[in-house]
């Protein structure tokens, strides 16, 4: 199959493209390479896929770079014409939308970036799919849409009270996808990811900054006095879930009764944040110093994925424990950052 992956230089996008190529698919990757976090890390991910960019400055907008079954262009979903040009050049079997302005806390100070990227960009993508037709959209949502609901979070729960702008934009994506699926027969699958971690992860994520602080011997800031629960999900488990849906031939245009499904993809085993930090420190063989702080605006107390639907439909069963996942992450971190 030929598959478009947006946000291909991002954490999940990179891992997905790598797996797709391994399984013999043709991948078209796009990314705007913004500087929300270390742009060199994004460039390094692309180079892991077979390119040899010295830095992000060498990657020119509008230029198509080819590496065997992978093509890449520096394209922003917010630029409608540039995105239309990508669709004009290819006929896609699947589109996996992972491009978004990420970060719950960052959305408090920079709301405009989230409206532009997560809503306007997603709208542009849907419009391109409306014109091409015959293509299945798989898109990233987030566990943040549940707000402060009681756990475990089920896809049948109401999600009309987001507590961050980031969550509100992801909820808006789900509503837009539902409307386009119903009106224009575009099969859509939304995936609510739960606290994804692992090698090549995002530096703005808590576990990444915790690692930096622990290795530097500096104290780490922990909100709500450390009384938080998170359903940490290892990256390979996330990719297994996405691939099961990518490879499902039943989810094609015209499939009877199908237009829009939403699934949770999580570990289904929430961990106390302080326990997570203790395991991380043990893997790094370092003492952990902490500063306990009040709850941060936009945060939720707990996340916990009910994965019954995706397990029933696709046999999804997370394989990695926290200990195993953090061992793999810390090994990569030491190697990558010397």
C-alpha atoms as a PDB file:
ATOM      1  CA  UNK A   1       0.000   0.000   0.000  1.00  0.00           C
ATOM      2  CA  UNK A   2       0.975   3.619  -0.423  1.00  0.00           C
ATOM      3  CA  UNK A   3       0.549   5.464   2.865  1.00  0.00           C
ATOM      4  CA  UNK A   4       0.816   9.148   3.717  1.00  0.00           C
ATOM      5  CA  UNK A   5       2.270   9.813   7.177  1.00  0.00           C
ATOM      6  CA  UNK A   6       1.980  13.398   8.374  1.00  0.00           C
ATOM      7  CA  UNK A   7       4.319  14.466  11.157  1.00  0.00           C
ATOM      8  CA  UNK A   8       6.795  11.852   9.945  1.00  0.00           C
ATOM      9  CA  UNK A   9       9.774  13.410  11.740  1.00  0.00           C
ATOM     10  CA  UNK A  10       7.861  13.376  15.021  1.00  0.00           C
ATOM     11  CA  UNK A  11       8.151  10.714  17.708  1.00  0.00           C
ATOM     12  CA  UNK A  12       5.269   8.439  16.688  1.00  0.00           C
ATOM     13  CA  UNK A  13       5.462   9.329  12.995  1.00  0.00           C
ATOM     14  CA  UNK A  14       9.104   8.263  12.782  1.00  0.00           C
ATOM     15  CA  UNK A  15       8.486   4.915  14.458  1.00  0.00           C
ATOM     16  CA  UNK A  16       5.427   4.281  12.280  1.00  0.00           C
ATOM     17  CA  UNK A  17       7.271   5.075   9.045  1.00  0.00           C
ATOM     18  CA  UNK A  18      10.080   2.737  10.088  1.00  0.00           C
ATOM     19  CA  UNK A  19       7.633  -0.125  10.687  1.00  0.00           C
ATOM     20  CA  UNK A  20       5.690   0.540   7.473  1.00  0.00           C
ATOM     21  CA  UNK A  21       8.868   0.406   5.427  1.00  0.00           C
ATOM     22  CA  UNK A  22       9.951  -2.790   7.178  1.00  0.00           C
ATOM     23  CA  UNK A  23       6.626  -4.390   6.225  1.00  0.00           C
ATOM     24  CA  UNK A  24       7.022  -3.432   2.566  1.00  0.00           C
ATOM     25  CA  UNK A  25       4.715  -0.430   2.246  1.00  0.00           C
ATOM     26  CA  UNK A  26       5.503   2.712   0.254  1.00  0.00           C
ATOM     27  CA  UNK A  27       5.557   5.776   2.509  1.00  0.00           C
ATOM     28  CA  UNK A  28       5.112   9.436   1.674  1.00  0.00           C
ATOM     29  CA  UNK A  29       6.126  11.497   4.689  1.00  0.00           C
ATOM     30  CA  UNK A  30       5.503  15.177   5.304  1.00  0.00           C
ATOM     31  CA  UNK A  31       6.439  17.417   8.218  1.00  0.00           C
ATOM     32  CA  UNK A  32       6.839  21.158   8.708  1.00  0.00           C
ATOM     33  CA  UNK A  33       9.858  20.656  11.028  1.00  0.00           C
ATOM     34  CA  UNK A  34       8.799  23.412  13.414  1.00  0.00           C
ATOM     35  CA  UNK A  35      11.027  24.394  16.318  1.00  0.00           C
ATOM     36  CA  UNK A  36       8.671  23.562  19.199  1.00  0.00           C
ATOM     37  CA  UNK A  37      11.445  21.260  20.410  1.00  0.00           C
ATOM     38  CA  UNK A  38      14.976  20.375  19.244  1.00  0.00           C
ATOM     39  CA  UNK A  39      14.790  20.408  15.454  1.00  0.00           C
ATOM     40  CA  UNK A  40      18.038  18.453  15.223  1.00  0.00           C
ATOM     41  CA  UNK A  41      16.330  15.499  16.915  1.00  0.00           C
ATOM     42  CA  UNK A  42      13.690  15.584  14.157  1.00  0.00           C
ATOM     43  CA  UNK A  43      16.443  15.680  11.541  1.00  0.00           C
ATOM     44  CA  UNK A  44      18.202  12.761  13.230  1.00  0.00           C
ATOM     45  CA  UNK A  45      14.994  10.728  13.062  1.00  0.00           C
ATOM     46  CA  UNK A  46      14.729  11.367   9.324  1.00  0.00           C
ATOM     47  CA  UNK A  47      18.328  10.257   8.914  1.00  0.00           C
ATOM     48  CA  UNK A  48      17.503   7.046  10.750  1.00  0.00           C
ATOM     49  CA  UNK A  49      15.016   6.416   7.939  1.00  0.00           C
ATOM     50  CA  UNK A  50      17.798   6.568   5.353  1.00  0.00           C
ATOM     51  CA  UNK A  51      18.415  10.243   4.608  1.00  0.00           C
ATOM     52  CA  UNK A  52      21.654  12.132   5.254  1.00  0.00           C
ATOM     53  CA  UNK A  53      20.619  15.679   6.101  1.00  0.00           C
ATOM     54  CA  UNK A  54      23.408  17.604   7.902  1.00  0.00           C
ATOM     55  CA  UNK A  55      20.792  19.783   9.597  1.00  0.00           C
ATOM     56  CA  UNK A  56      17.213  20.975   9.191  1.00  0.00           C
ATOM     57  CA  UNK A  57      18.380  24.021   7.249  1.00  0.00           C
ATOM     58  CA  UNK A  58      19.375  21.703   4.414  1.00  0.00           C
ATOM     59  CA  UNK A  59      15.771  20.513   4.020  1.00  0.00           C
ATOM     60  CA  UNK A  60      14.057  22.938   1.660  1.00  0.00           C
ATOM     61  CA  UNK A  61      10.282  23.470   1.516  1.00  0.00           C
ATOM     62  CA  UNK A  62       8.788  22.269  -1.760  1.00  0.00           C
ATOM     63  CA  UNK A  63      11.629  19.839  -2.503  1.00  0.00           C
ATOM     64  CA  UNK A  64      10.881  16.109  -2.631  1.00  0.00           C
ATOM     65  CA  UNK A  65      13.563  13.884  -1.154  1.00  0.00           C
ATOM     66  CA  UNK A  66      13.520  10.204  -2.105  1.00  0.00           C
ATOM     67  CA  UNK A  67      15.057   7.257  -0.277  1.00  0.00           C
ATOM     68  CA  UNK A  68      14.038   3.908  -1.748  1.00  0.00           C
ATOM     69  CA  UNK A  69      10.333   3.435  -0.805  1.00  0.00           C
ATOM     70  CA  UNK A  70      10.208   6.615   1.286  1.00  0.00           C
ATOM     71  CA  UNK A  71       9.696  10.112  -0.066  1.00  0.00           C
ATOM     72  CA  UNK A  72       9.745  13.176   2.163  1.00  0.00           C
ATOM     73  CA  UNK A  73       8.868  16.828   1.762  1.00  0.00           C
ATOM     74  CA  UNK A  74       8.898  19.718   4.193  1.00  0.00           C
ATOM     75  CA  UNK A  75       5.194  20.494   3.960  1.00  0.00           C
ATOM     76  CA  UNK A  76       2.896  22.225   6.446  1.00  0.00           C
ATOM     77  CA  UNK A  77      -0.735  21.082   6.744  1.00  0.00           C
ATOM     78  CA  UNK A  78      -1.667  24.714   7.288  1.00  0.00           C
ATOM     79  CA  UNK A  79      -0.582  25.550   3.725  1.00  0.00           C
ATOM     80  CA  UNK A  80      -3.542  24.235   1.769  1.00  0.00           C
ATOM     81  CA  UNK A  81      -1.975  24.515  -1.695  1.00  0.00           C
ATOM     82  CA  UNK A  82       1.211  22.699  -0.675  1.00  0.00           C
ATOM     83  CA  UNK A  83      -0.874  19.893   0.785  1.00  0.00           C
ATOM     84  CA  UNK A  84      -3.035  19.731  -2.346  1.00  0.00           C
ATOM     85  CA  UNK A  85       0.155  19.368  -4.392  1.00  0.00           C
ATOM     86  CA  UNK A  86       1.115  16.288  -2.357  1.00  0.00           C
ATOM     87  CA  UNK A  87      -2.268  14.680  -3.028  1.00  0.00           C
ATOM     88  CA  UNK A  88      -2.061  15.588  -6.718  1.00  0.00           C
ATOM     89  CA  UNK A  89       1.191  13.620  -7.007  1.00  0.00           C
ATOM     90  CA  UNK A  90       0.032  10.453  -5.234  1.00  0.00           C
ATOM     91  CA  UNK A  91      -2.915   8.113  -4.877  1.00  0.00           C
ATOM     92  CA  UNK A  92      -2.982   6.996  -1.241  1.00  0.00           C
ATOM     93  CA  UNK A  93      -4.506   3.842   0.204  1.00  0.00           C
ATOM     94  CA  UNK A  94      -4.276   5.150   3.771  1.00  0.00           C
ATOM     95  CA  UNK A  95      -3.514   8.456   5.439  1.00  0.00           C
ATOM     96  CA  UNK A  96      -2.141   8.472   8.986  1.00  0.00           C
ATOM     97  CA  UNK A  97      -2.329  11.967  10.461  1.00  0.00           C
ATOM     98  CA  UNK A  98       0.145  12.411  13.315  1.00  0.00           C
ATOM     99  CA  UNK A  99       1.018  16.058  12.614  1.00  0.00           C
ATOM    100  CA  UNK A 100      -0.115  18.411  15.362  1.00  0.00           C
ATOM    101  CA  UNK A 101       1.076  21.070  17.729  1.00  0.00           C
ATOM    102  CA  UNK A 102       1.718  18.959  20.812  1.00  0.00           C
ATOM    103  CA  UNK A 103       1.909  19.762  24.515  1.00  0.00           C
ATOM    104  CA  UNK A 104      -0.822  20.439  27.046  1.00  0.00           C
ATOM    105  CA  UNK A 105       1.030  23.116  29.019  1.00  0.00           C
ATOM    106  CA  UNK A 106       2.383  24.908  25.956  1.00  0.00           C
ATOM    107  CA  UNK A 107      -1.194  25.446  24.763  1.00  0.00           C
ATOM    108  CA  UNK A 108      -1.880  27.726  27.736  1.00  0.00           C
ATOM    109  CA  UNK A 109       0.684  30.280  26.552  1.00  0.00           C
ATOM    110  CA  UNK A 110       0.462  29.733  22.792  1.00  0.00           C
ATOM    111  CA  UNK A 111      -3.174  28.998  21.947  1.00  0.00           C
ATOM    112  CA  UNK A 112      -3.004  30.335  18.395  1.00  0.00           C
ATOM    113  CA  UNK A 113      -0.487  27.689  17.332  1.00  0.00           C
ATOM    114  CA  UNK A 114      -2.955  24.962  18.317  1.00  0.00           C
ATOM    115  CA  UNK A 115      -5.896  26.447  16.458  1.00  0.00           C
ATOM    116  CA  UNK A 116      -3.787  26.927  13.351  1.00  0.00           C
ATOM    117  CA  UNK A 117      -2.073  23.517  13.300  1.00  0.00           C
ATOM    118  CA  UNK A 118      -4.540  21.172  14.966  1.00  0.00           C
ATOM    119  CA  UNK A 119      -7.791  22.537  13.560  1.00  0.00           C
ATOM    120  CA  UNK A 120      -7.023  24.471  10.365  1.00  0.00           C
ATOM    121  CA  UNK A 121      -4.371  21.951   9.311  1.00  0.00           C
ATOM    122  CA  UNK A 122      -6.675  19.014   9.995  1.00  0.00           C
ATOM    123  CA  UNK A 123      -9.454  20.699   8.004  1.00  0.00           C
ATOM    124  CA  UNK A 124      -7.102  21.114   5.032  1.00  0.00           C
ATOM    125  CA  UNK A 125      -6.261  17.418   5.189  1.00  0.00           C
ATOM    126  CA  UNK A 126      -9.915  16.410   5.265  1.00  0.00           C
ATOM    127  CA  UNK A 127     -10.612  18.598   2.247  1.00  0.00           C
ATOM    128  CA  UNK A 128      -7.830  16.878   0.297  1.00  0.00           C
ATOM    129  CA  UNK A 129      -9.264  13.481   1.203  1.00  0.00           C
ATOM    130  CA  UNK A 130     -12.723  14.634   0.175  1.00  0.00           C
ATOM    131  CA  UNK A 131     -11.367  15.406  -3.287  1.00  0.00           C
ATOM    132  CA  UNK A 132      -9.309  12.230  -3.691  1.00  0.00           C
ATOM    133  CA  UNK A 133     -11.901   9.794  -2.289  1.00  0.00           C
ATOM    134  CA  UNK A 134     -11.364   6.088  -1.703  1.00  0.00           C
ATOM    135  CA  UNK A 135      -8.907   6.515   1.163  1.00  0.00           C
ATOM    136  CA  UNK A 136      -9.030   5.579   4.851  1.00  0.00           C
ATOM    137  CA  UNK A 137      -7.988   8.231   7.414  1.00  0.00           C
ATOM    138  CA  UNK A 138      -6.340   7.152  10.667  1.00  0.00           C
ATOM    139  CA  UNK A 139      -5.677  10.126  12.918  1.00  0.00           C
ATOM    140  CA  UNK A 140      -4.174  10.866  16.315  1.00  0.00           C
ATOM    141  CA  UNK A 141      -6.473  12.004  19.066  1.00  0.00           C
ATOM    142  CA  UNK A 142      -5.486  12.031  22.734  1.00  0.00           C
ATOM    143  CA  UNK A 143      -6.424  10.761  26.171  1.00  0.00           C
ATOM    144  CA  UNK A 144      -6.607  14.442  27.162  1.00  0.00           C
ATOM    145  CA  UNK A 145     -10.113  14.658  25.624  1.00  0.00           C
ATOM    146  CA  UNK A 146     -11.436  12.852  28.726  1.00  0.00           C
ATOM    147  CA  UNK A 147     -10.533  15.744  31.027  1.00  0.00           C
ATOM    148  CA  UNK A 148     -11.231  14.877  34.639  1.00  0.00           C
ATOM    149  CA  UNK A 149     -13.609  12.000  33.917  1.00  0.00           C
ATOM    150  CA  UNK A 150     -13.626   9.041  36.273  1.00  0.00           C
ATOM    151  CA  UNK A 151     -11.212   6.267  35.312  1.00  0.00           C
ATOM    152  CA  UNK A 152     -10.933   4.008  33.464  1.00  0.00           C
ATOM    153  CA  UNK A 153     -11.596   6.133  30.398  1.00  0.00           C
ATOM    154  CA  UNK A 154     -13.951   4.491  27.921  1.00  0.00           C
ATOM    155  CA  UNK A 155     -14.645   5.607  24.365  1.00  0.00           C
ATOM    156  CA  UNK A 156     -18.320   5.623  25.350  1.00  0.00           C
ATOM    157  CA  UNK A 157     -17.702   8.366  27.946  1.00  0.00           C
ATOM    158  CA  UNK A 158     -18.741  11.970  27.387  1.00  0.00           C
ATOM    159  CA  UNK A 159     -15.807  14.160  26.362  1.00  0.00           C
ATOM    160  CA  UNK A 160     -17.430  17.583  26.287  1.00  0.00           C
ATOM    161  CA  UNK A 161     -15.448  19.164  29.160  1.00  0.00           C
ATOM    162  CA  UNK A 162     -11.781  19.449  28.127  1.00  0.00           C
ATOM    163  CA  UNK A 163      -9.487  21.155  30.644  1.00  0.00           C
ATOM    164  CA  UNK A 164      -6.829  22.318  28.170  1.00  0.00           C
ATOM    165  CA  UNK A 165      -6.868  23.977  24.771  1.00  0.00           C
ATOM    166  CA  UNK A 166      -4.833  21.081  23.385  1.00  0.00           C
ATOM    167  CA  UNK A 167      -7.574  18.689  24.471  1.00  0.00           C
ATOM    168  CA  UNK A 168     -10.218  20.954  22.941  1.00  0.00           C
ATOM    169  CA  UNK A 169      -8.472  20.884  19.550  1.00  0.00           C
ATOM    170  CA  UNK A 170      -8.253  17.080  19.645  1.00  0.00           C
ATOM    171  CA  UNK A 171     -11.953  16.866  20.466  1.00  0.00           C
ATOM    172  CA  UNK A 172     -12.604  19.200  17.546  1.00  0.00           C
ATOM    173  CA  UNK A 173     -10.648  16.818  15.278  1.00  0.00           C
ATOM    174  CA  UNK A 174     -12.959  13.981  16.286  1.00  0.00           C
ATOM    175  CA  UNK A 175     -16.035  16.080  15.528  1.00  0.00           C
ATOM    176  CA  UNK A 176     -14.677  17.166  12.133  1.00  0.00           C
ATOM    177  CA  UNK A 177     -13.734  13.600  11.215  1.00  0.00           C
ATOM    178  CA  UNK A 178     -17.197  12.390  12.138  1.00  0.00           C
ATOM    179  CA  UNK A 179     -18.856  15.033   9.959  1.00  0.00           C
ATOM    180  CA  UNK A 180     -16.635  14.336   6.931  1.00  0.00           C
ATOM    181  CA  UNK A 181     -17.061  10.582   7.355  1.00  0.00           C
ATOM    182  CA  UNK A 182     -20.825  10.901   7.403  1.00  0.00           C
ATOM    183  CA  UNK A 183     -21.114  13.465   4.615  1.00  0.00           C
ATOM    184  CA  UNK A 184     -18.472  12.266   2.170  1.00  0.00           C
ATOM    185  CA  UNK A 185     -18.071   8.549   2.927  1.00  0.00           C
ATOM    186  CA  UNK A 186     -14.499   8.913   4.215  1.00  0.00           C
ATOM    187  CA  UNK A 187     -13.698   6.004   6.565  1.00  0.00           C
ATOM    188  CA  UNK A 188     -12.082   7.501   9.675  1.00  0.00           C
ATOM    189  CA  UNK A 189     -10.435   5.934  12.712  1.00  0.00           C
ATOM    190  CA  UNK A 190      -9.447   8.135  15.645  1.00  0.00           C
ATOM    191  CA  UNK A 191      -6.856   6.880  18.120  1.00  0.00           C
ATOM    192  CA  UNK A 192      -6.707   8.302  21.627  1.00  0.00           C
ATOM    193  CA  UNK A 193      -3.086   7.808  22.664  1.00  0.00           C
ATOM    194  CA  UNK A 194      -2.139   7.487  26.329  1.00  0.00           C
ATOM    195  CA  UNK A 195       1.209   8.998  27.491  1.00  0.00           C
ATOM    196  CA  UNK A 196       3.498   7.508  24.867  1.00  0.00           C
ATOM    197  CA  UNK A 197       7.175   7.067  25.810  1.00  0.00           C
ATOM    198  CA  UNK A 198      10.288   5.372  24.486  1.00  0.00           C
ATOM    199  CA  UNK A 199      13.446   5.871  22.386  1.00  0.00           C
ATOM    200  CA  UNK A 200      13.498   8.901  20.087  1.00  0.00           C
ATOM    201  CA  UNK A 201      10.786  10.503  22.238  1.00  0.00           C
ATOM    202  CA  UNK A 202       9.815  14.156  22.601  1.00  0.00           C
ATOM    203  CA  UNK A 203      12.040  16.289  24.870  1.00  0.00           C
ATOM    204  CA  UNK A 204       9.018  18.215  26.143  1.00  0.00           C
ATOM    205  CA  UNK A 205       7.547  15.059  27.694  1.00  0.00           C
ATOM    206  CA  UNK A 206       7.978  14.709  31.447  1.00  0.00           C
ATOM    207  CA  UNK A 207       9.926  11.441  31.402  1.00  0.00           C
ATOM    208  CA  UNK A 208      12.456  12.971  28.980  1.00  0.00           C
ATOM    209  CA  UNK A 209      13.075  16.059  31.114  1.00  0.00           C
ATOM    210  CA  UNK A 210      13.161  13.863  34.246  1.00  0.00           C
ATOM    211  CA  UNK A 211      16.008  11.900  32.659  1.00  0.00           C
ATOM    212  CA  UNK A 212      17.926  15.067  31.822  1.00  0.00           C
ATOM    213  CA  UNK A 213      17.570  16.353  35.378  1.00  0.00           C
ATOM    214  CA  UNK A 214      18.422  13.063  37.073  1.00  0.00           C
ATOM    215  CA  UNK A 215      21.620  12.623  35.030  1.00  0.00           C
ATOM    216  CA  UNK A 216      22.609  16.233  35.759  1.00  0.00           C
ATOM    217  CA  UNK A 217      22.027  15.733  39.480  1.00  0.00           C
ATOM    218  CA  UNK A 218      19.323  18.392  39.488  1.00  0.00           C
ATOM    219  CA  UNK A 219      15.944  18.176  41.260  1.00  0.00           C
ATOM    220  CA  UNK A 220      12.873  17.403  39.145  1.00  0.00           C
ATOM    221  CA  UNK A 221       9.606  19.268  39.597  1.00  0.00           C
ATOM    222  CA  UNK A 222       6.628  17.050  40.349  1.00  0.00           C
ATOM    223  CA  UNK A 223       3.131  18.502  40.333  1.00  0.00           C
ATOM    224  CA  UNK A 224       0.229  17.747  42.672  1.00  0.00           C
ATOM    225  CA  UNK A 225       2.789  16.650  45.269  1.00  0.00           C
ATOM    226  CA  UNK A 226       3.465  13.619  43.092  1.00  0.00           C
ATOM    227  CA  UNK A 227      -0.081  12.303  43.521  1.00  0.00           C
ATOM    228  CA  UNK A 228      -0.753  11.551  39.849  1.00  0.00           C
ATOM    229  CA  UNK A 229      -1.537   8.397  37.867  1.00  0.00           C
ATOM    230  CA  UNK A 230      -0.548   7.923  34.243  1.00  0.00           C
ATOM    231  CA  UNK A 231      -1.197   5.119  31.770  1.00  0.00           C
ATOM    232  CA  UNK A 232       2.319   5.119  30.276  1.00  0.00           C
ATOM    233  CA  UNK A 233       2.372   3.282  26.931  1.00  0.00           C
ATOM    234  CA  UNK A 234       5.569   2.118  25.245  1.00  0.00           C
ATOM    235  CA  UNK A 235       6.046   3.267  21.652  1.00  0.00           C
ATOM    236  CA  UNK A 236       6.208  -0.242  20.146  1.00  0.00           C
ATOM    237  CA  UNK A 237       2.804  -1.067  21.638  1.00  0.00           C
ATOM    238  CA  UNK A 238       1.391   2.114  20.106  1.00  0.00           C
ATOM    239  CA  UNK A 239       2.811   1.186  16.697  1.00  0.00           C
ATOM    240  CA  UNK A 240       1.391  -2.348  16.978  1.00  0.00           C
ATOM    241  CA  UNK A 241      -2.057  -0.837  17.491  1.00  0.00           C
ATOM    242  CA  UNK A 242      -1.756   1.533  14.540  1.00  0.00           C
ATOM    243  CA  UNK A 243      -0.428  -1.195  12.253  1.00  0.00           C
ATOM    244  CA  UNK A 244      -3.318  -3.516  13.070  1.00  0.00           C
ATOM    245  CA  UNK A 245      -5.702  -0.864  11.736  1.00  0.00           C
ATOM    246  CA  UNK A 246      -3.507   0.071   8.763  1.00  0.00           C
ATOM    247  CA  UNK A 247      -3.422  -3.565   7.645  1.00  0.00           C
ATOM    248  CA  UNK A 248      -7.158  -4.170   8.138  1.00  0.00           C
ATOM    249  CA  UNK A 249      -8.616  -4.468   4.644  1.00  0.00           C
ATOM    250  CA  UNK A 250     -12.177  -4.405   5.982  1.00  0.00           C
ATOM    251  CA  UNK A 251     -11.787  -0.693   6.647  1.00  0.00           C
ATOM    252  CA  UNK A 252     -12.027   0.355   3.038  1.00  0.00           C
ATOM    253  CA  UNK A 253     -14.475   2.822   1.461  1.00  0.00           C
ATOM    254  CA  UNK A 254     -17.781   1.121   0.898  1.00  0.00           C
ATOM    255  CA  UNK A 255     -17.406  -1.289   3.814  1.00  0.00           C
ATOM    256  CA  UNK A 256     -20.903  -1.857   5.104  1.00  0.00           C
ATOM    257  CA  UNK A 257     -21.754   0.085   8.248  1.00  0.00           C
ATOM    258  CA  UNK A 258     -18.339   1.674   8.588  1.00  0.00           C
ATOM    259  CA  UNK A 259     -17.576   5.364   8.710  1.00  0.00           C
ATOM    260  CA  UNK A 260     -16.003   6.530  11.992  1.00  0.00           C
ATOM    261  CA  UNK A 261     -14.541   4.554  14.881  1.00  0.00           C
ATOM    262  CA  UNK A 262     -12.585   5.779  17.902  1.00  0.00           C
ATOM    263  CA  UNK A 263     -10.258   3.617  19.996  1.00  0.00           C
ATOM    264  CA  UNK A 264      -8.125   4.060  23.074  1.00  0.00           C
ATOM    265  CA  UNK A 265      -4.532   2.863  22.737  1.00  0.00           C
ATOM    266  CA  UNK A 266      -2.990   2.619  26.189  1.00  0.00           C
ATOM    267  CA  UNK A 267      -1.162   0.223  28.450  1.00  0.00           C
ATOM    268  CA  UNK A 268      -4.288  -0.363  30.558  1.00  0.00           C
ATOM    269  CA  UNK A 269      -2.087  -0.361  33.696  1.00  0.00           C
ATOM    270  CA  UNK A 270      -1.751   3.135  35.193  1.00  0.00           C
ATOM    271  CA  UNK A 271       1.347   3.781  37.295  1.00  0.00           C
ATOM    272  CA  UNK A 272       1.810   6.216  40.166  1.00  0.00           C
ATOM    273  CA  UNK A 273       4.061   9.020  38.979  1.00  0.00           C
ATOM    274  CA  UNK A 274       6.388   8.663  41.971  1.00  0.00           C
ATOM    275  CA  UNK A 275       6.765   4.938  41.231  1.00  0.00           C
ATOM    276  CA  UNK A 276       7.550   5.738  37.597  1.00  0.00           C
ATOM    277  CA  UNK A 277      10.249   8.200  38.695  1.00  0.00           C
ATOM    278  CA  UNK A 278      11.708   5.661  41.122  1.00  0.00           C
ATOM    279  CA  UNK A 279      12.004   3.077  38.332  1.00  0.00           C
ATOM    280  CA  UNK A 280      13.563   5.675  36.019  1.00  0.00           C
ATOM    281  CA  UNK A 281      16.175   6.584  38.636  1.00  0.00           C
ATOM    282  CA  UNK A 282      16.951   2.909  39.175  1.00  0.00           C
ATOM    283  CA  UNK A 283      17.457   2.382  35.432  1.00  0.00           C
ATOM    284  CA  UNK A 284      19.799   5.398  35.335  1.00  0.00           C
ATOM    285  CA  UNK A 285      21.648   4.256  38.511  1.00  0.00           C
ATOM    286  CA  UNK A 286      21.275   7.730  39.967  1.00  0.00           C
ATOM    287  CA  UNK A 287      19.733   9.344  43.015  1.00  0.00           C
ATOM    288  CA  UNK A 288      16.496  11.213  42.314  1.00  0.00           C
ATOM    289  CA  UNK A 289      15.960  14.645  43.844  1.00  0.00           C
ATOM    290  CA  UNK A 290      12.446  16.063  43.776  1.00  0.00           C
ATOM    291  CA  UNK A 291      10.596  19.314  44.325  1.00  0.00           C
ATOM    292  CA  UNK A 292       6.898  18.775  45.044  1.00  0.00           C
ATOM    293  CA  UNK A 293       4.541  21.422  43.660  1.00  0.00           C
ATOM    294  CA  UNK A 294       0.767  22.077  43.436  1.00  0.00           C
ATOM    295  CA  UNK A 295      -1.336  20.840  40.526  1.00  0.00           C
ATOM    296  CA  UNK A 296      -0.458  22.437  37.186  1.00  0.00           C
ATOM    297  CA  UNK A 297      -3.278  24.128  35.204  1.00  0.00           C
ATOM    298  CA  UNK A 298      -4.465  21.915  32.362  1.00  0.00           C
ATOM    299  CA  UNK A 299      -3.304  18.686  34.012  1.00  0.00           C
ATOM    300  CA  UNK A 300      -5.596  15.846  35.026  1.00  0.00           C
ATOM    301  CA  UNK A 301      -5.236  13.641  38.069  1.00  0.00           C
ATOM    302  CA  UNK A 302      -5.285  10.259  36.324  1.00  0.00           C
ATOM    303  CA  UNK A 303      -5.339   8.591  32.920  1.00  0.00           C
ATOM    304  CA  UNK A 304      -6.350   4.962  32.478  1.00  0.00           C
ATOM    305  CA  UNK A 305      -7.309   3.447  29.125  1.00  0.00           C
ATOM    306  CA  UNK A 306     -10.147   0.993  28.728  1.00  0.00           C
ATOM    307  CA  UNK A 307      -8.784  -0.922  25.715  1.00  0.00           C
ATOM    308  CA  UNK A 308     -11.598  -3.478  25.504  1.00  0.00           C
ATOM    309  CA  UNK A 309     -12.846  -2.333  22.033  1.00  0.00           C
ATOM    310  CA  UNK A 310      -9.446  -2.371  20.295  1.00  0.00           C
ATOM    311  CA  UNK A 311      -8.544  -5.643  21.998  1.00  0.00           C
ATOM    312  CA  UNK A 312     -11.808  -7.211  20.806  1.00  0.00           C
ATOM    313  CA  UNK A 313     -11.540  -5.886  17.239  1.00  0.00           C
ATOM    314  CA  UNK A 314      -7.789  -6.264  16.691  1.00  0.00           C
ATOM    315  CA  UNK A 315      -6.408  -8.461  19.467  1.00  0.00           C
ATOM    316  CA  UNK A 316      -4.441  -5.504  20.836  1.00  0.00           C
ATOM    317  CA  UNK A 317      -2.484  -6.529  23.934  1.00  0.00           C
ATOM    318  CA  UNK A 318       0.315  -4.255  25.235  1.00  0.00           C
ATOM    319  CA  UNK A 319       3.523  -6.219  25.669  1.00  0.00           C
ATOM    320  CA  UNK A 320       5.916  -3.859  27.459  1.00  0.00           C
ATOM    321  CA  UNK A 321       6.066  -3.306  31.207  1.00  0.00           C
ATOM    322  CA  UNK A 322       7.259   0.027  32.613  1.00  0.00           C
ATOM    323  CA  UNK A 323      10.543  -1.584  33.643  1.00  0.00           C
ATOM    324  CA  UNK A 324      11.169  -2.970  30.149  1.00  0.00           C
ATOM    325  CA  UNK A 325      10.170   0.237  28.391  1.00  0.00           C
ATOM    326  CA  UNK A 326      12.269   2.509  30.579  1.00  0.00           C
ATOM    327  CA  UNK A 327      15.284   0.205  30.242  1.00  0.00           C
ATOM    328  CA  UNK A 328      15.067   0.561  26.446  1.00  0.00           C
ATOM    329  CA  UNK A 329      14.547   4.317  26.651  1.00  0.00           C
ATOM    330  CA  UNK A 330      17.447   5.002  29.029  1.00  0.00           C
ATOM    331  CA  UNK A 331      19.776   2.844  26.934  1.00  0.00           C
ATOM    332  CA  UNK A 332      18.877   4.849  23.833  1.00  0.00           C
ATOM    333  CA  UNK A 333      19.188   8.154  25.720  1.00  0.00           C
ATOM    334  CA  UNK A 334      22.726   7.428  26.912  1.00  0.00           C
ATOM    335  CA  UNK A 335      23.804   6.318  23.426  1.00  0.00           C
ATOM    336  CA  UNK A 336      22.178   9.221  21.579  1.00  0.00           C
ATOM    337  CA  UNK A 337      23.303  11.996  23.933  1.00  0.00           C
ATOM    338  CA  UNK A 338      26.638  10.341  24.792  1.00  0.00           C
END
